[in-house]
Amino acid sequence: VGKVGYLVRAASISTAAMPAGACYFRPYLDQSLRRVPELD
């Protein structure tokens, strides 16, 4: 909590269906890191 990172789709690890839109939050190791789509 309080960190910056990204969301990635959650993967189901059982036969149960994963709720639509379920995500994992992954913090950036370098908290100054930012994606800049303008440079893509």
Full PDB file with SEQRES, HELIX, SHEET, SSBOND, CRYST1, ORIGX, SCALE, CONECT and MASTER records, all heavy atoms in Angstrom:
SEQRES   1 A   40  VAL GLY LYS VAL GLY TYR LEU VAL ARG ALA ALA SER ILE          
SEQRES   2 A   40  SER THR ALA ALA MET PRO ALA GLY ALA CYS TYR PHE ARG          
SEQRES   3 A   40  PRO TYR LEU ASP GLN SER LEU ARG ARG VAL PRO GLU LEU          
SEQRES   4 A   40  ASP                                                          
HELIX    1 AA1 PRO A   37  LEU A   39  5                                   3    
SHEET    1 AA1 2 GLY A   5  ARG A   9  0                                        
SHEET    2 AA1 2 CYS A  23  PRO A  27 -1                                        
CRYST1    1.000    1.000    1.000  90.00  90.00  90.00 P 1           1          
ORIGX1      1.000000  0.000000  0.000000        0.00000                         
ORIGX2      0.000000  1.000000  0.000000        0.00000                         
ORIGX3      0.000000  0.000000  1.000000        0.00000                         
SCALE1      1.000000  0.000000  0.000000        0.00000                         
SCALE2      0.000000  1.000000  0.000000        0.00000                         
SCALE3      0.000000  0.000000  1.000000        0.00000                         
ATOM      1  N   VAL A   1       0.846  -1.193   0.000  1.00  0.00           N  
ATOM      2  CA  VAL A   1       0.000   0.000   0.000  1.00  0.00           C  
ATOM      3  C   VAL A   1       0.886   1.249   0.000  1.00  0.00           C  
ATOM      4  O   VAL A   1       1.839   1.364   0.768  1.00  0.00           O  
ATOM      5  CB  VAL A   1      -0.932   0.002   1.226  1.00  0.00           C  
ATOM      6  CG1 VAL A   1      -1.607   1.363   1.384  1.00  0.00           C  
ATOM      7  CG2 VAL A   1      -1.987  -1.084   1.087  1.00  0.00           C  
ATOM      8  N   GLY A   2       0.552   2.180  -0.893  1.00  0.00           N  
ATOM      9  CA  GLY A   2       1.322   3.407  -1.041  1.00  0.00           C  
ATOM     10  C   GLY A   2       2.344   3.348  -2.150  1.00  0.00           C  
ATOM     11  O   GLY A   2       2.877   4.393  -2.552  1.00  0.00           O  
ATOM     12  N   LYS A   3       2.631   2.152  -2.666  1.00  0.00           N  
ATOM     13  CA  LYS A   3       3.640   2.008  -3.711  1.00  0.00           C  
ATOM     14  C   LYS A   3       3.018   2.165  -5.098  1.00  0.00           C  
ATOM     15  O   LYS A   3       1.813   2.022  -5.292  1.00  0.00           O  
ATOM     16  CB  LYS A   3       4.331   0.651  -3.604  1.00  0.00           C  
ATOM     17  CG  LYS A   3       5.170   0.489  -2.345  1.00  0.00           C  
ATOM     18  CD  LYS A   3       5.880  -0.852  -2.334  1.00  0.00           C  
ATOM     19  CE  LYS A   3       6.759  -0.997  -1.088  1.00  0.00           C  
ATOM     20  NZ  LYS A   3       7.442  -2.313  -1.061  1.00  0.00           N  
ATOM     21  N   VAL A   4       3.899   2.431  -6.064  1.00  0.00           N  
ATOM     22  CA  VAL A   4       3.498   2.553  -7.468  1.00  0.00           C  
ATOM     23  C   VAL A   4       3.964   1.311  -8.214  1.00  0.00           C  
ATOM     24  O   VAL A   4       5.068   0.806  -7.970  1.00  0.00           O  
ATOM     25  CB  VAL A   4       4.111   3.810  -8.113  1.00  0.00           C  
ATOM     26  CG1 VAL A   4       3.742   3.900  -9.594  1.00  0.00           C  
ATOM     27  CG2 VAL A   4       3.650   5.056  -7.381  1.00  0.00           C  
ATOM     28  N   GLY A   5       3.135   0.819  -9.102  1.00  0.00           N  
ATOM     29  CA  GLY A   5       3.495  -0.373  -9.870  1.00  0.00           C  
ATOM     30  C   GLY A   5       2.515  -0.579 -11.012  1.00  0.00           C  
ATOM     31  O   GLY A   5       2.099   0.376 -11.666  1.00  0.00           O  
ATOM     32  N   TYR A   6       2.122  -1.817 -11.200  1.00  0.00           N  
ATOM     33  CA  TYR A   6       1.233  -2.119 -12.317  1.00  0.00           C  
ATOM     34  C   TYR A   6       0.277  -3.237 -11.950  1.00  0.00           C  
ATOM     35  O   TYR A   6       0.517  -4.009 -11.013  1.00  0.00           O  
ATOM     36  CB  TYR A   6       2.030  -2.495 -13.565  1.00  0.00           C  
ATOM     37  CG  TYR A   6       2.892  -3.736 -13.434  1.00  0.00           C  
ATOM     38  CD1 TYR A   6       2.496  -4.957 -13.979  1.00  0.00           C  
ATOM     39  CD2 TYR A   6       4.117  -3.690 -12.769  1.00  0.00           C  
ATOM     40  CE1 TYR A   6       3.285  -6.089 -13.872  1.00  0.00           C  
ATOM     41  CE2 TYR A   6       4.917  -4.811 -12.657  1.00  0.00           C  
ATOM     42  CZ  TYR A   6       4.501  -6.010 -13.212  1.00  0.00           C  
ATOM     43  OH  TYR A   6       5.292  -7.143 -13.094  1.00  0.00           O  
ATOM     44  N   LEU A   7      -0.826  -3.308 -12.674  1.00  0.00           N  
ATOM     45  CA  LEU A   7      -1.799  -4.382 -12.524  1.00  0.00           C  
ATOM     46  C   LEU A   7      -1.626  -5.369 -13.663  1.00  0.00           C  
ATOM     47  O   LEU A   7      -1.408  -4.980 -14.808  1.00  0.00           O  
ATOM     48  CB  LEU A   7      -3.229  -3.825 -12.561  1.00  0.00           C  
ATOM     49  CG  LEU A   7      -3.668  -2.884 -11.430  1.00  0.00           C  
ATOM     50  CD1 LEU A   7      -5.097  -2.419 -11.679  1.00  0.00           C  
ATOM     51  CD2 LEU A   7      -3.558  -3.573 -10.079  1.00  0.00           C  
ATOM     52  N   VAL A   8      -1.734  -6.638 -13.327  1.00  0.00           N  
ATOM     53  CA  VAL A   8      -1.672  -7.686 -14.337  1.00  0.00           C  
ATOM     54  C   VAL A   8      -2.811  -8.655 -14.075  1.00  0.00           C  
ATOM     55  O   VAL A   8      -3.235  -8.844 -12.921  1.00  0.00           O  
ATOM     56  CB  VAL A   8      -0.307  -8.406 -14.295  1.00  0.00           C  
ATOM     57  CG1 VAL A   8      -0.096  -9.117 -12.967  1.00  0.00           C  
ATOM     58  CG2 VAL A   8      -0.161  -9.380 -15.457  1.00  0.00           C  
ATOM     59  N   ARG A   9      -3.329  -9.241 -15.129  1.00  0.00           N  
ATOM     60  CA  ARG A   9      -4.462 -10.156 -14.980  1.00  0.00           C  
ATOM     61  C   ARG A   9      -4.117 -11.299 -14.035  1.00  0.00           C  
ATOM     62  O   ARG A   9      -3.039 -11.898 -14.114  1.00  0.00           O  
ATOM     63  CB  ARG A   9      -4.847 -10.737 -16.344  1.00  0.00           C  
ATOM     64  CG  ARG A   9      -6.060 -11.661 -16.295  1.00  0.00           C  
ATOM     65  CD  ARG A   9      -6.212 -12.391 -17.617  1.00  0.00           C  
ATOM     66  NE  ARG A   9      -6.360 -11.467 -18.722  1.00  0.00           N  
ATOM     67  CZ  ARG A   9      -7.504 -10.877 -19.053  1.00  0.00           C  
ATOM     68  NH1 ARG A   9      -8.576 -11.111 -18.331  1.00  0.00           N  
ATOM     69  NH2 ARG A   9      -7.556 -10.067 -20.076  1.00  0.00           N  
ATOM     70  N   ALA A  10      -5.020 -11.601 -13.103  1.00  0.00           N  
ATOM     71  CA  ALA A  10      -4.809 -12.704 -12.167  1.00  0.00           C  
ATOM     72  C   ALA A  10      -5.026 -14.024 -12.883  1.00  0.00           C  
ATOM     73  O   ALA A  10      -5.954 -14.170 -13.684  1.00  0.00           O  
ATOM     74  CB  ALA A  10      -5.754 -12.576 -10.981  1.00  0.00           C  
ATOM     75  N   ALA A  11      -4.150 -14.990 -12.600  1.00  0.00           N  
ATOM     76  CA  ALA A  11      -4.249 -16.313 -13.213  1.00  0.00           C  
ATOM     77  C   ALA A  11      -4.932 -17.264 -12.246  1.00  0.00           C  
ATOM     78  O   ALA A  11      -4.644 -17.267 -11.047  1.00  0.00           O  
ATOM     79  CB  ALA A  11      -2.862 -16.835 -13.567  1.00  0.00           C  
ATOM     80  N   SER A  12      -5.838 -18.070 -12.769  1.00  0.00           N  
ATOM     81  CA  SER A  12      -6.535 -19.034 -11.934  1.00  0.00           C  
ATOM     82  C   SER A  12      -5.604 -20.189 -11.600  1.00  0.00           C  
ATOM     83  O   SER A  12      -4.918 -20.725 -12.475  1.00  0.00           O  
ATOM     84  CB  SER A  12      -7.780 -19.564 -12.656  1.00  0.00           C  
ATOM     85  OG  SER A  12      -8.420 -20.545 -11.883  1.00  0.00           O  
ATOM     86  N   ILE A  13      -5.550 -20.565 -10.324  1.00  0.00           N  
ATOM     87  CA  ILE A  13      -4.696 -21.682  -9.913  1.00  0.00           C  
ATOM     88  C   ILE A  13      -5.537 -22.894  -9.512  1.00  0.00           C  
ATOM     89  O   ILE A  13      -5.037 -23.834  -8.911  1.00  0.00           O  
ATOM     90  CB  ILE A  13      -3.780 -21.266  -8.749  1.00  0.00           C  
ATOM     91  CG1 ILE A  13      -4.619 -20.791  -7.556  1.00  0.00           C  
ATOM     92  CG2 ILE A  13      -2.801 -20.200  -9.179  1.00  0.00           C  
ATOM     93  CD1 ILE A  13      -3.782 -20.463  -6.316  1.00  0.00           C  
ATOM     94  N   SER A  14      -6.813 -22.854  -9.821  1.00  0.00           N  
ATOM     95  CA  SER A  14      -7.695 -23.978  -9.525  1.00  0.00           C  
ATOM     96  C   SER A  14      -8.736 -24.057 -10.626  1.00  0.00           C  
ATOM     97  O   SER A  14      -8.708 -23.313 -11.600  1.00  0.00           O  
ATOM     98  CB  SER A  14      -8.373 -23.785  -8.156  1.00  0.00           C  
ATOM     99  OG  SER A  14      -9.284 -22.712  -8.205  1.00  0.00           O  
ATOM    100  N   THR A  15      -9.671 -24.977 -10.454  1.00  0.00           N  
ATOM    101  CA  THR A  15     -10.729 -25.128 -11.451  1.00  0.00           C  
ATOM    102  C   THR A  15     -11.805 -24.054 -11.294  1.00  0.00           C  
ATOM    103  O   THR A  15     -12.654 -23.894 -12.158  1.00  0.00           O  
ATOM    104  CB  THR A  15     -11.384 -26.517 -11.322  1.00  0.00           C  
ATOM    105  OG1 THR A  15     -11.860 -26.678  -9.974  1.00  0.00           O  
ATOM    106  CG2 THR A  15     -10.376 -27.611 -11.631  1.00  0.00           C  
ATOM    107  N   ALA A  16     -11.755 -23.328 -10.176  1.00  0.00           N  
ATOM    108  CA  ALA A  16     -12.742 -22.264  -9.962  1.00  0.00           C  
ATOM    109  C   ALA A  16     -12.502 -21.119 -10.929  1.00  0.00           C  
ATOM    110  O   ALA A  16     -11.367 -20.743 -11.194  1.00  0.00           O  
ATOM    111  CB  ALA A  16     -12.666 -21.764  -8.526  1.00  0.00           C  
ATOM    112  N   ALA A  17     -13.577 -20.567 -11.444  1.00  0.00           N  
ATOM    113  CA  ALA A  17     -13.458 -19.461 -12.395  1.00  0.00           C  
ATOM    114  C   ALA A  17     -13.003 -18.203 -11.661  1.00  0.00           C  
ATOM    115  O   ALA A  17     -13.468 -17.892 -10.562  1.00  0.00           O  
ATOM    116  CB  ALA A  17     -14.798 -19.225 -13.085  1.00  0.00           C  
ATOM    117  N   MET A  18     -12.088 -17.465 -12.264  1.00  0.00           N  
ATOM    118  CA  MET A  18     -11.601 -16.221 -11.693  1.00  0.00           C  
ATOM    119  C   MET A  18     -12.599 -15.111 -12.011  1.00  0.00           C  
ATOM    120  O   MET A  18     -13.105 -15.038 -13.126  1.00  0.00           O  
ATOM    121  CB  MET A  18     -10.235 -15.889 -12.282  1.00  0.00           C  
ATOM    122  CG  MET A  18      -9.548 -14.700 -11.642  1.00  0.00           C  
ATOM    123  SD  MET A  18      -8.960 -15.014  -9.974  1.00  0.00           S  
ATOM    124  CE  MET A  18      -7.623 -16.187 -10.307  1.00  0.00           C  
ATOM    125  N   PRO A  19     -12.926 -14.262 -11.050  1.00  0.00           N  
ATOM    126  CA  PRO A  19     -13.861 -13.157 -11.343  1.00  0.00           C  
ATOM    127  C   PRO A  19     -13.349 -12.284 -12.479  1.00  0.00           C  
ATOM    128  O   PRO A  19     -12.133 -12.084 -12.627  1.00  0.00           O  
ATOM    129  CB  PRO A  19     -13.891 -12.373 -10.024  1.00  0.00           C  
ATOM    130  CG  PRO A  19     -13.462 -13.346  -8.983  1.00  0.00           C  
ATOM    131  CD  PRO A  19     -12.476 -14.259  -9.656  1.00  0.00           C  
ATOM    132  N   ALA A  20     -14.260 -11.769 -13.275  1.00  0.00           N  
ATOM    133  CA  ALA A  20     -13.870 -10.905 -14.384  1.00  0.00           C  
ATOM    134  C   ALA A  20     -13.123  -9.689 -13.852  1.00  0.00           C  
ATOM    135  O   ALA A  20     -13.549  -9.050 -12.896  1.00  0.00           O  
ATOM    136  CB  ALA A  20     -15.108 -10.462 -15.165  1.00  0.00           C  
ATOM    137  N   GLY A  21     -11.985  -9.404 -14.462  1.00  0.00           N  
ATOM    138  CA  GLY A  21     -11.208  -8.243 -14.076  1.00  0.00           C  
ATOM    139  C   GLY A  21     -10.322  -8.422 -12.868  1.00  0.00           C  
ATOM    140  O   GLY A  21      -9.712  -7.456 -12.395  1.00  0.00           O  
ATOM    141  N   ALA A  22     -10.232  -9.641 -12.319  1.00  0.00           N  
ATOM    142  CA  ALA A  22      -9.372  -9.872 -11.152  1.00  0.00           C  
ATOM    143  C   ALA A  22      -7.914  -9.602 -11.514  1.00  0.00           C  
ATOM    144  O   ALA A  22      -7.440 -10.012 -12.574  1.00  0.00           O  
ATOM    145  CB  ALA A  22      -9.539 -11.294 -10.652  1.00  0.00           C  
ATOM    146  N   CYS A  23      -7.207  -8.888 -10.630  1.00  0.00           N  
ATOM    147  CA  CYS A  23      -5.845  -8.446 -10.926  1.00  0.00           C  
ATOM    148  C   CYS A  23      -4.905  -8.725  -9.761  1.00  0.00           C  
ATOM    149  O   CYS A  23      -5.331  -8.853  -8.610  1.00  0.00           O  
ATOM    150  CB  CYS A  23      -5.808  -6.941 -11.195  1.00  0.00           C  
ATOM    151  SG  CYS A  23      -6.901  -6.364 -12.482  1.00  0.00           S  
ATOM    152  N   TYR A  24      -3.630  -8.781 -10.081  1.00  0.00           N  
ATOM    153  CA  TYR A  24      -2.586  -8.719  -9.075  1.00  0.00           C  
ATOM    154  C   TYR A  24      -1.919  -7.352  -9.204  1.00  0.00           C  
ATOM    155  O   TYR A  24      -1.717  -6.854 -10.317  1.00  0.00           O  
ATOM    156  CB  TYR A  24      -1.523  -9.797  -9.293  1.00  0.00           C  
ATOM    157  CG  TYR A  24      -2.018 -11.214  -9.177  1.00  0.00           C  
ATOM    158  CD1 TYR A  24      -1.634 -12.173 -10.114  1.00  0.00           C  
ATOM    159  CD2 TYR A  24      -2.861 -11.600  -8.152  1.00  0.00           C  
ATOM    160  CE1 TYR A  24      -2.066 -13.480 -10.019  1.00  0.00           C  
ATOM    161  CE2 TYR A  24      -3.312 -12.915  -8.052  1.00  0.00           C  
ATOM    162  CZ  TYR A  24      -2.910 -13.847  -8.989  1.00  0.00           C  
ATOM    163  OH  TYR A  24      -3.349 -15.132  -8.899  1.00  0.00           O  
ATOM    164  N   PHE A  25      -1.559  -6.771  -8.071  1.00  0.00           N  
ATOM    165  CA  PHE A  25      -0.762  -5.554  -8.092  1.00  0.00           C  
ATOM    166  C   PHE A  25       0.689  -5.933  -7.901  1.00  0.00           C  
ATOM    167  O   PHE A  25       1.047  -6.684  -6.993  1.00  0.00           O  
ATOM    168  CB  PHE A  25      -1.197  -4.595  -6.972  1.00  0.00           C  
ATOM    169  CG  PHE A  25      -0.307  -3.381  -6.853  1.00  0.00           C  
ATOM    170  CD1 PHE A  25      -0.455  -2.314  -7.723  1.00  0.00           C  
ATOM    171  CD2 PHE A  25       0.691  -3.325  -5.884  1.00  0.00           C  
ATOM    172  CE1 PHE A  25       0.370  -1.200  -7.619  1.00  0.00           C  
ATOM    173  CE2 PHE A  25       1.516  -2.221  -5.772  1.00  0.00           C  
ATOM    174  CZ  PHE A  25       1.361  -1.157  -6.641  1.00  0.00           C  
ATOM    175  N   ARG A  26       1.559  -5.405  -8.768  1.00  0.00           N  
ATOM    176  CA  ARG A  26       2.986  -5.671  -8.690  1.00  0.00           C  
ATOM    177  C   ARG A  26       3.720  -4.332  -8.569  1.00  0.00           C  
ATOM    178  O   ARG A  26       3.677  -3.520  -9.494  1.00  0.00           O  
ATOM    179  CB  ARG A  26       3.476  -6.417  -9.940  1.00  0.00           C  
ATOM    180  CG  ARG A  26       2.822  -7.782 -10.139  1.00  0.00           C  
ATOM    181  CD  ARG A  26       3.351  -8.768  -9.121  1.00  0.00           C  
ATOM    182  NE  ARG A  26       2.842 -10.116  -9.359  1.00  0.00           N  
ATOM    183  CZ  ARG A  26       1.874 -10.693  -8.650  1.00  0.00           C  
ATOM    184  NH1 ARG A  26       1.304  -9.994  -7.665  1.00  0.00           N  
ATOM    185  NH2 ARG A  26       1.485 -11.916  -8.914  1.00  0.00           N  
ATOM    186  N   PRO A  27       4.377  -4.069  -7.439  1.00  0.00           N  
ATOM    187  CA  PRO A  27       5.078  -2.787  -7.289  1.00  0.00           C  
ATOM    188  C   PRO A  27       6.347  -2.756  -8.122  1.00  0.00           C  
ATOM    189  O   PRO A  27       6.993  -3.783  -8.345  1.00  0.00           O  
ATOM    190  CB  PRO A  27       5.395  -2.737  -5.799  1.00  0.00           C  
ATOM    191  CG  PRO A  27       5.535  -4.179  -5.405  1.00  0.00           C  
ATOM    192  CD  PRO A  27       4.520  -4.924  -6.243  1.00  0.00           C  
ATOM    193  N   TYR A  28       6.715  -1.571  -8.599  1.00  0.00           N  
ATOM    194  CA  TYR A  28       7.995  -1.405  -9.269  1.00  0.00           C  
ATOM    195  C   TYR A  28       9.102  -1.532  -8.225  1.00  0.00           C  
ATOM    196  O   TYR A  28       9.000  -0.971  -7.123  1.00  0.00           O  
ATOM    197  CB  TYR A  28       8.106  -0.034  -9.931  1.00  0.00           C  
ATOM    198  CG  TYR A  28       7.133   0.209 -11.049  1.00  0.00           C  
ATOM    199  CD1 TYR A  28       6.549   1.467 -11.217  1.00  0.00           C  
ATOM    200  CD2 TYR A  28       6.783  -0.790 -11.957  1.00  0.00           C  
ATOM    201  CE1 TYR A  28       5.669   1.722 -12.249  1.00  0.00           C  
ATOM    202  CE2 TYR A  28       5.895  -0.550 -12.982  1.00  0.00           C  
ATOM    203  CZ  TYR A  28       5.331   0.707 -13.129  1.00  0.00           C  
ATOM    204  OH  TYR A  28       4.448   0.940 -14.143  1.00  0.00           O  
ATOM    205  N   LEU A  29      10.159  -2.251  -8.556  1.00  0.00           N  
ATOM    206  CA  LEU A  29      11.292  -2.355  -7.645  1.00  0.00           C  
ATOM    207  C   LEU A  29      11.923  -0.983  -7.433  1.00  0.00           C  
ATOM    208  O   LEU A  29      12.302  -0.614  -6.323  1.00  0.00           O  
ATOM    209  CB  LEU A  29      12.326  -3.334  -8.203  1.00  0.00           C  
ATOM    210  CG  LEU A  29      13.501  -3.646  -7.292  1.00  0.00           C  
ATOM    211  CD1 LEU A  29      13.032  -4.342  -6.024  1.00  0.00           C  
ATOM    212  CD2 LEU A  29      14.521  -4.518  -8.012  1.00  0.00           C  
ATOM    213  N   ASP A  30      12.035  -0.221  -8.524  1.00  0.00           N  
ATOM    214  CA  ASP A  30      12.493   1.158  -8.461  1.00  0.00           C  
ATOM    215  C   ASP A  30      11.251   2.031  -8.417  1.00  0.00           C  
ATOM    216  O   ASP A  30      10.529   2.161  -9.408  1.00  0.00           O  
ATOM    217  CB  ASP A  30      13.346   1.489  -9.691  1.00  0.00           C  
ATOM    218  CG  ASP A  30      13.941   2.888  -9.657  1.00  0.00           C  
ATOM    219  OD1 ASP A  30      13.378   3.755  -8.948  1.00  0.00           O  
ATOM    220  OD2 ASP A  30      14.945   3.124 -10.345  1.00  0.00           O  
ATOM    221  N   GLN A  31      10.968   2.628  -7.266  1.00  0.00           N  
ATOM    222  CA  GLN A  31       9.724   3.378  -7.103  1.00  0.00           C  
ATOM    223  C   GLN A  31       9.683   4.683  -7.889  1.00  0.00           C  
ATOM    224  O   GLN A  31       8.643   5.337  -7.957  1.00  0.00           O  
ATOM    225  CB  GLN A  31       9.448   3.626  -5.624  1.00  0.00           C  
ATOM    226  CG  GLN A  31       8.832   2.427  -4.919  1.00  0.00           C  
ATOM    227  CD  GLN A  31       7.447   2.105  -5.454  1.00  0.00           C  
ATOM    228  OE1 GLN A  31       6.489   2.843  -5.239  1.00  0.00           O  
ATOM    229  NE2 GLN A  31       7.321   0.983  -6.174  1.00  0.00           N  
ATOM    230  N   SER A  32      10.802   5.073  -8.486  1.00  0.00           N  
ATOM    231  CA  SER A  32      10.769   6.240  -9.370  1.00  0.00           C  
ATOM    232  C   SER A  32      10.412   5.847 -10.802  1.00  0.00           C  
ATOM    233  O   SER A  32      10.206   6.720 -11.647  1.00  0.00           O  
ATOM    234  CB  SER A  32      12.123   6.952  -9.364  1.00  0.00           C  
ATOM    235  OG  SER A  32      13.103   6.227 -10.098  1.00  0.00           O  
ATOM    236  N   LEU A  33      10.316   4.562 -11.071  1.00  0.00           N  
ATOM    237  CA  LEU A  33      10.064   4.076 -12.429  1.00  0.00           C  
ATOM    238  C   LEU A  33       8.656   4.451 -12.887  1.00  0.00           C  
ATOM    239  O   LEU A  33       7.693   4.346 -12.119  1.00  0.00           O  
ATOM    240  CB  LEU A  33      10.227   2.555 -12.469  1.00  0.00           C  
ATOM    241  CG  LEU A  33      10.266   1.874 -13.842  1.00  0.00           C  
ATOM    242  CD1 LEU A  33      11.534   2.267 -14.578  1.00  0.00           C  
ATOM    243  CD2 LEU A  33      10.196   0.358 -13.673  1.00  0.00           C  
ATOM    244  N   ARG A  34       8.546   4.868 -14.150  1.00  0.00           N  
ATOM    245  CA  ARG A  34       7.247   5.170 -14.740  1.00  0.00           C  
ATOM    246  C   ARG A  34       7.251   4.765 -16.216  1.00  0.00           C  
ATOM    247  O   ARG A  34       8.252   4.932 -16.911  1.00  0.00           O  
ATOM    248  CB  ARG A  34       6.930   6.679 -14.653  1.00  0.00           C  
ATOM    249  CG  ARG A  34       6.796   7.218 -13.239  1.00  0.00           C  
ATOM    250  CD  ARG A  34       5.599   6.662 -12.512  1.00  0.00           C  
ATOM    251  NE  ARG A  34       5.429   7.298 -11.201  1.00  0.00           N  
ATOM    252  CZ  ARG A  34       6.033   6.881 -10.081  1.00  0.00           C  
ATOM    253  NH1 ARG A  34       6.854   5.846 -10.120  1.00  0.00           N  
ATOM    254  NH2 ARG A  34       5.814   7.500  -8.943  1.00  0.00           N  
ATOM    255  N   ARG A  35       6.109   4.244 -16.661  1.00  0.00           N  
ATOM    256  CA  ARG A  35       5.937   3.976 -18.091  1.00  0.00           C  
ATOM    257  C   ARG A  35       5.692   5.289 -18.813  1.00  0.00           C  
ATOM    258  O   ARG A  35       4.938   6.144 -18.337  1.00  0.00           O  
ATOM    259  CB  ARG A  35       4.750   3.040 -18.329  1.00  0.00           C  
ATOM    260  CG  ARG A  35       5.114   1.587 -18.346  1.00  0.00           C  
ATOM    261  CD  ARG A  35       5.770   1.121 -19.651  1.00  0.00           C  
ATOM    262  NE  ARG A  35       4.785   0.934 -20.706  1.00  0.00           N  
ATOM    263  CZ  ARG A  35       4.770   1.609 -21.839  1.00  0.00           C  
ATOM    264  NH1 ARG A  35       5.682   2.530 -22.074  1.00  0.00           N  
ATOM    265  NH2 ARG A  35       3.859   1.374 -22.752  1.00  0.00           N  
ATOM    266  N   VAL A  36       6.310   5.441 -19.992  1.00  0.00           N  
ATOM    267  CA  VAL A  36       6.137   6.649 -20.810  1.00  0.00           C  
ATOM    268  C   VAL A  36       5.729   6.204 -22.214  1.00  0.00           C  
ATOM    269  O   VAL A  36       6.583   5.981 -23.086  1.00  0.00           O  
ATOM    270  CB  VAL A  36       7.440   7.481 -20.865  1.00  0.00           C  
ATOM    271  CG1 VAL A  36       7.195   8.788 -21.617  1.00  0.00           C  
ATOM    272  CG2 VAL A  36       7.969   7.760 -19.461  1.00  0.00           C  
ATOM    273  N   PRO A  37       4.437   6.028 -22.462  1.00  0.00           N  
ATOM    274  CA  PRO A  37       3.981   5.545 -23.778  1.00  0.00           C  
ATOM    275  C   PRO A  37       4.416   6.429 -24.936  1.00  0.00           C  
ATOM    276  O   PRO A  37       4.540   5.956 -26.073  1.00  0.00           O  
ATOM    277  CB  PRO A  37       2.454   5.539 -23.628  1.00  0.00           C  
ATOM    278  CG  PRO A  37       2.211   5.437 -22.156  1.00  0.00           C  
ATOM    279  CD  PRO A  37       3.322   6.207 -21.522  1.00  0.00           C  
ATOM    280  N   GLU A  38       4.662   7.717 -24.666  1.00  0.00           N  
ATOM    281  CA  GLU A  38       5.061   8.629 -25.734  1.00  0.00           C  
ATOM    282  C   GLU A  38       6.398   8.224 -26.359  1.00  0.00           C  
ATOM    283  O   GLU A  38       6.707   8.616 -27.494  1.00  0.00           O  
ATOM    284  CB  GLU A  38       5.165  10.062 -25.199  1.00  0.00           C  
ATOM    285  CG  GLU A  38       3.834  10.684 -24.793  1.00  0.00           C  
ATOM    286  CD  GLU A  38       3.391  10.239 -23.410  1.00  0.00           C  
ATOM    287  OE1 GLU A  38       4.121   9.484 -22.739  1.00  0.00           O  
ATOM    288  OE2 GLU A  38       2.291  10.652 -22.995  1.00  0.00           O  
ATOM    289  N   LEU A  39       7.199   7.450 -25.638  1.00  0.00           N  
ATOM    290  CA  LEU A  39       8.493   7.016 -26.161  1.00  0.00           C  
ATOM    291  C   LEU A  39       8.426   5.673 -26.884  1.00  0.00           C  
ATOM    292  O   LEU A  39       9.424   5.217 -27.441  1.00  0.00           O  
ATOM    293  CB  LEU A  39       9.517   6.906 -25.015  1.00  0.00           C  
ATOM    294  CG  LEU A  39       9.893   8.202 -24.294  1.00  0.00           C  
ATOM    295  CD1 LEU A  39      10.887   7.901 -23.178  1.00  0.00           C  
ATOM    296  CD2 LEU A  39      10.493   9.204 -25.271  1.00  0.00           C  
ATOM    297  N   ASP A  40       7.265   5.016 -26.871  1.00  0.00           N  
ATOM    298  CA  ASP A  40       7.151   3.670 -27.438  1.00  0.00           C  
ATOM    299  C   ASP A  40       7.577   3.631 -28.898  1.00  0.00           C  
ATOM    300  O   ASP A  40       7.287   4.541 -29.672  1.00  0.00           O  
ATOM    301  CB  ASP A  40       5.713   3.161 -27.332  1.00  0.00           C  
ATOM    302  CG  ASP A  40       5.308   2.841 -25.914  1.00  0.00           C  
ATOM    303  OD1 ASP A  40       6.154   2.978 -25.017  1.00  0.00           O  
ATOM    304  OD2 ASP A  40       4.141   2.453 -25.693  1.00  0.00           O  
TER     305      ASP A  40                                                      
MASTER        0    0    0    1    2    0    0    6  304    1    0    4          
END                                                                             
